[in-house]
Amino acid sequence: MYSYVGFWSIPRGQWAEKAEANVADQKILDRAIASGTIVGYGNDVNLVHQPDGATHDDWWTAMSMAGLLNVLD
């Protein structure tokens, strides 16, 4: 199994924009699940973090490196 994880440091004033982007990404990721390209995905918000630390993350998993990278395209 292969995993992609992206960590983001987003100012609190832009968290709503990140939430909207997650909704848009969900459509792409749902299609990738349905086609078998990936086997799982998610995103998180880190409410307690260091000032320069990551506030958000996005991840997905696939059974092949090709499946993992296809989602990035």
N, C-alpha and C. Protein backbone atom coordinates (compact mmCIF):
# COMPACT_ATOMS: atom_id res chain seq x y z
N MET A 1 0.85 -1.17 0.00
CA MET A 1 0.00 0.00 0.00
C MET A 1 0.90 1.23 0.00
N TYR A 2 0.49 2.25 -0.75
CA TYR A 2 1.21 3.50 -0.86
C TYR A 2 0.31 4.63 -0.35
N SER A 3 0.92 5.62 0.26
CA SER A 3 0.15 6.74 0.80
C SER A 3 0.75 8.07 0.37
N TYR A 4 -0.11 9.01 0.10
CA TYR A 4 0.27 10.40 -0.15
C TYR A 4 -0.26 11.20 1.04
N VAL A 5 0.58 12.04 1.62
CA VAL A 5 0.15 12.93 2.70
C VAL A 5 0.69 14.32 2.40
N GLY A 6 -0.18 15.30 2.39
CA GLY A 6 0.22 16.69 2.22
C GLY A 6 -0.11 17.46 3.48
N PHE A 7 0.88 18.14 4.06
CA PHE A 7 0.69 18.97 5.24
C PHE A 7 0.67 20.43 4.81
N TRP A 8 -0.23 21.21 5.40
CA TRP A 8 -0.41 22.60 5.02
C TRP A 8 -0.40 23.49 6.25
N SER A 9 0.22 24.64 6.15
CA SER A 9 0.15 25.68 7.19
C SER A 9 -0.67 26.83 6.61
N ILE A 10 -1.91 26.92 7.04
CA ILE A 10 -2.85 27.87 6.47
C ILE A 10 -3.28 28.86 7.56
N PRO A 11 -3.19 30.16 7.30
CA PRO A 11 -3.64 31.15 8.28
C PRO A 11 -5.13 30.95 8.60
N ARG A 12 -5.49 31.15 9.85
CA ARG A 12 -6.87 30.90 10.29
C ARG A 12 -7.90 31.63 9.45
N GLY A 13 -7.57 32.79 8.96
CA GLY A 13 -8.50 33.55 8.13
C GLY A 13 -8.82 32.89 6.79
N GLN A 14 -8.02 31.90 6.39
CA GLN A 14 -8.24 31.21 5.12
C GLN A 14 -8.74 29.78 5.30
N TRP A 15 -9.10 29.42 6.51
CA TRP A 15 -9.58 28.06 6.76
C TRP A 15 -10.88 27.75 6.00
N ALA A 16 -11.73 28.74 5.84
CA ALA A 16 -12.98 28.51 5.10
C ALA A 16 -12.69 28.18 3.64
N GLU A 17 -11.69 28.83 3.06
CA GLU A 17 -11.29 28.53 1.68
C GLU A 17 -10.76 27.11 1.57
N LYS A 18 -10.01 26.67 2.56
CA LYS A 18 -9.48 25.30 2.56
C LYS A 18 -10.63 24.30 2.66
N ALA A 19 -11.63 24.61 3.46
CA ALA A 19 -12.80 23.73 3.58
C ALA A 19 -13.53 23.62 2.24
N GLU A 20 -13.64 24.72 1.51
CA GLU A 20 -14.26 24.69 0.19
C GLU A 20 -13.43 23.85 -0.79
N ALA A 21 -12.13 23.99 -0.71
CA ALA A 21 -11.24 23.20 -1.58
C ALA A 21 -11.38 21.71 -1.27
N ASN A 22 -11.56 21.37 0.01
CA ASN A 22 -11.74 19.96 0.38
C ASN A 22 -13.00 19.39 -0.24
N VAL A 23 -14.07 20.19 -0.30
CA VAL A 23 -15.32 19.74 -0.91
C VAL A 23 -15.11 19.47 -2.40
N ALA A 24 -14.39 20.37 -3.07
CA ALA A 24 -14.11 20.18 -4.49
C ALA A 24 -13.24 18.95 -4.71
N ASP A 25 -12.24 18.75 -3.85
CA ASP A 25 -11.36 17.59 -3.97
C ASP A 25 -12.11 16.29 -3.72
N GLN A 26 -13.13 16.33 -2.85
CA GLN A 26 -13.88 15.13 -2.51
C GLN A 26 -14.51 14.50 -3.75
N LYS A 27 -14.97 15.31 -4.69
CA LYS A 27 -15.57 14.77 -5.91
C LYS A 27 -14.54 13.96 -6.71
N ILE A 28 -13.33 14.50 -6.82
CA ILE A 28 -12.26 13.80 -7.54
C ILE A 28 -11.89 12.52 -6.82
N LEU A 29 -11.76 12.60 -5.50
CA LEU A 29 -11.36 11.43 -4.72
C LEU A 29 -12.45 10.36 -4.69
N ASP A 30 -13.72 10.77 -4.67
CA ASP A 30 -14.82 9.80 -4.73
C ASP A 30 -14.80 9.03 -6.05
N ARG A 31 -14.50 9.72 -7.15
CA ARG A 31 -14.40 9.03 -8.45
C ARG A 31 -13.22 8.06 -8.44
N ALA A 32 -12.11 8.45 -7.81
CA ALA A 32 -10.94 7.57 -7.74
C ALA A 32 -11.25 6.34 -6.89
N ILE A 33 -12.03 6.49 -5.84
CA ILE A 33 -12.46 5.34 -5.04
C ILE A 33 -13.34 4.42 -5.88
N ALA A 34 -14.31 5.01 -6.57
CA ALA A 34 -15.26 4.22 -7.37
C ALA A 34 -14.56 3.43 -8.47
N SER A 35 -13.51 4.00 -9.04
CA SER A 35 -12.80 3.31 -10.12
C SER A 35 -11.74 2.34 -9.60
N GLY A 36 -11.51 2.35 -8.30
CA GLY A 36 -10.50 1.45 -7.73
C GLY A 36 -9.08 2.01 -7.79
N THR A 37 -8.94 3.27 -8.18
CA THR A 37 -7.61 3.89 -8.27
C THR A 37 -7.00 4.04 -6.88
N ILE A 38 -7.82 4.46 -5.91
CA ILE A 38 -7.37 4.56 -4.52
C ILE A 38 -8.32 3.76 -3.63
N VAL A 39 -7.86 3.48 -2.41
CA VAL A 39 -8.68 2.67 -1.50
C VAL A 39 -9.17 3.46 -0.30
N GLY A 40 -8.67 4.68 -0.11
CA GLY A 40 -9.12 5.51 1.00
C GLY A 40 -8.56 6.90 0.89
N TYR A 41 -9.22 7.86 1.57
CA TYR A 41 -8.73 9.23 1.58
C TYR A 41 -9.33 9.97 2.77
N GLY A 42 -8.77 11.13 3.06
CA GLY A 42 -9.30 11.95 4.13
C GLY A 42 -8.54 13.26 4.25
N ASN A 43 -8.99 14.08 5.18
CA ASN A 43 -8.30 15.33 5.49
C ASN A 43 -8.58 15.67 6.94
N ASP A 44 -7.68 16.42 7.54
CA ASP A 44 -7.78 16.74 8.95
C ASP A 44 -7.45 18.20 9.19
N VAL A 45 -7.95 18.72 10.32
CA VAL A 45 -7.62 20.06 10.79
C VAL A 45 -6.97 19.90 12.16
N ASN A 46 -5.81 20.48 12.33
CA ASN A 46 -5.09 20.44 13.60
C ASN A 46 -5.40 21.73 14.35
N LEU A 47 -6.37 21.69 15.26
CA LEU A 47 -6.80 22.89 15.96
C LEU A 47 -5.74 23.38 16.95
N VAL A 48 -4.96 22.47 17.51
CA VAL A 48 -3.89 22.84 18.44
C VAL A 48 -2.57 22.60 17.72
N HIS A 49 -1.86 23.69 17.41
CA HIS A 49 -0.64 23.58 16.62
C HIS A 49 0.34 24.68 17.00
N GLN A 50 1.58 24.50 16.62
CA GLN A 50 2.60 25.52 16.82
C GLN A 50 2.35 26.66 15.82
N PRO A 51 2.80 27.88 16.11
CA PRO A 51 2.56 29.00 15.20
C PRO A 51 3.04 28.73 13.77
N ASP A 52 4.15 28.04 13.61
CA ASP A 52 4.66 27.74 12.28
C ASP A 52 4.35 26.31 11.84
N GLY A 53 3.51 25.63 12.60
CA GLY A 53 3.23 24.22 12.31
C GLY A 53 2.09 24.02 11.34
N ALA A 54 1.96 22.79 10.93
CA ALA A 54 0.90 22.42 9.99
C ALA A 54 -0.47 22.54 10.67
N THR A 55 -1.42 23.07 9.92
CA THR A 55 -2.78 23.22 10.43
C THR A 55 -3.75 22.23 9.76
N HIS A 56 -3.40 21.76 8.58
CA HIS A 56 -4.27 20.87 7.82
C HIS A 56 -3.44 19.77 7.15
N ASP A 57 -4.12 18.69 6.83
CA ASP A 57 -3.48 17.67 5.99
C ASP A 57 -4.52 17.01 5.10
N ASP A 58 -4.04 16.51 3.99
CA ASP A 58 -4.84 15.73 3.04
C ASP A 58 -4.07 14.44 2.80
N TRP A 59 -4.78 13.33 2.64
CA TRP A 59 -4.10 12.06 2.38
C TRP A 59 -4.98 11.15 1.54
N TRP A 60 -4.33 10.23 0.84
CA TRP A 60 -5.03 9.14 0.18
C TRP A 60 -4.09 7.96 0.05
N THR A 61 -4.66 6.79 -0.11
CA THR A 61 -3.88 5.56 -0.22
C THR A 61 -4.30 4.79 -1.46
N ALA A 62 -3.35 4.06 -2.01
CA ALA A 62 -3.59 3.24 -3.20
C ALA A 62 -2.77 1.96 -3.07
N MET A 63 -3.14 0.99 -3.84
CA MET A 63 -2.42 -0.28 -3.82
C MET A 63 -1.24 -0.27 -4.79
N SER A 64 -1.08 0.81 -5.55
CA SER A 64 0.07 0.91 -6.47
C SER A 64 0.55 2.37 -6.49
N MET A 65 1.80 2.54 -6.84
CA MET A 65 2.35 3.89 -6.98
C MET A 65 1.64 4.62 -8.12
N ALA A 66 1.31 3.90 -9.18
CA ALA A 66 0.61 4.51 -10.31
C ALA A 66 -0.74 5.08 -9.88
N GLY A 67 -1.47 4.32 -9.09
CA GLY A 67 -2.77 4.80 -8.60
C GLY A 67 -2.62 6.04 -7.75
N LEU A 68 -1.60 6.04 -6.91
CA LEU A 68 -1.34 7.18 -6.05
C LEU A 68 -1.04 8.44 -6.86
N LEU A 69 -0.19 8.30 -7.86
CA LEU A 69 0.21 9.45 -8.67
C LEU A 69 -0.86 9.90 -9.65
N ASN A 70 -1.73 8.98 -10.08
CA ASN A 70 -2.81 9.35 -11.00
C ASN A 70 -3.74 10.39 -10.37
N VAL A 71 -3.93 10.31 -9.07
CA VAL A 71 -4.81 11.27 -8.40
C VAL A 71 -4.18 12.67 -8.42
N LEU A 72 -2.86 12.74 -8.38
CA LEU A 72 -2.19 14.04 -8.44
C LEU A 72 -2.38 14.71 -9.80
N ASP A 73 -2.52 13.91 -10.83
CA ASP A 73 -2.72 14.48 -12.18
C ASP A 73 -4.10 15.05 -12.26
